[in-house]
């Protein structure tokens, strides 16, 4: 099945490359969550992300002079700045690799991972140029939503089959939790903003993605979904002009009731997962007090913290110690093998911010924070300027999606991987480009100008006849 899906994706990409049709745009929207699991039987050049990039480049080249003049791309400056930081870190790893006995740095893997970390930004830039009409933007966004619903359905199906923690096509439960947190918040914006029958499909999609999130049992994902939902709910109440005060008041009362009875609403399995974080796990833990270098004795008591949470705390403590030893950073993709320096084996950092701090220093973390704030600012400005309810709903959903992703990546680290955050960048490119393509809308001022021209022409004719 995966081989068949890969060849469908490749066929769409080659079709755009050689015919100039938009199949690659729709393949990108549908297949993005699968790019990590679909393996190319051919060379690295035809791996799913590279095949999609080739299709987009071919489509852009074939458009040629028929394409509209390019628009200034939102977020481009900070994206370029982050790319420079990543490239500098990659060169540092290549030229001055850290020496870890028993765990040499794989330079080829470092370059490949660095390339894959830049592919979402390349696709964002290409899509911004290629989405030349609002109809195309709507179709791409709709296919992204359909793809997210498909992943959620697969995660729920896995849970019904008895799998402990669902992953769908997203590698690992916590990564799947981050993905479903973002998509659930995105659909929640439509539930708030849409009216009547149009709300029902989005309500079903929201319930399905939330169920998928619970199926992953990702505590970071649940926290991210909660905070993201709170942000867009507050924006909806304070700034949205699509609903009246009475409707907003009813929503606010409903939100308070839900928040006050959350323990009764959540499934028992989910509540047990949340409570074990602070009440301890009855299973044996392999984390000992002596492993935590800078924490007081007793703070890692397994009766007060479960094994997973204690291990995360240990990873972060090691990460901070590594940063203090070399504040300028060790180079790209060195954080995982560097864990072996203190833990005996490589461990993923499970925190993108700490990983960037260890690998690129404080300057890299500053660039990442600047990227996050700039993207949020541009989405917010576009939301405030949007006049159509469709535009404002999508932009509000993307703003909540971004907040959820940023919160979730305090607990996972594939922030720049296409299969996890790619759909956010795809929909952002479509939404921001559609907002910049302001179609002429008839207004009263246009009517006045037309009437004034008519009166002026009539006066001129009358004056000529009188003469």
Foldseek 3Di string as FASTA:
>chain_A
DLQVLLVVQLVLLVCCLPPLDPSLLLSLLQCQLQQVVRADPDDPCSRNLNSSLSSLVSNVVVCPPVFDPADPAFLPVLLVVLLVLQVVLLVLCVPPNDDDPPDGDDNVVLVVVSVQLCSLVSVLRSLLRVLRALVSLVSSLVSNLVNLLVQLVQLLVVVVVPDQAGQRSNPALLLSLLQLLLSLLLLVLLCLQDDDPVNVVSVVSNVSSVSSNVSRLHPLSVVLSVVLNVVLLVCCLPPDPRDDNVSNVVVVVVVVVCVVCVVVVDDPVSVVSVQCQFQADPDDAPDDQVLQPPDDPPPLPRRGGYRVNSVLNSLLSVLVVLCVVPQQANGGPCSQQVVCVRPVHGDDNQAQLSNQCRHGHPVSSVSVVVSLVSLLVLLVVLLNPDDDSVLNSSSSSLSSSSSSSNSSRRGHHVSSRSSRCSSSSSSSSSSSSNSVPDDDDDDVVVVVVVVVVVVVVVVVVVVVVVD
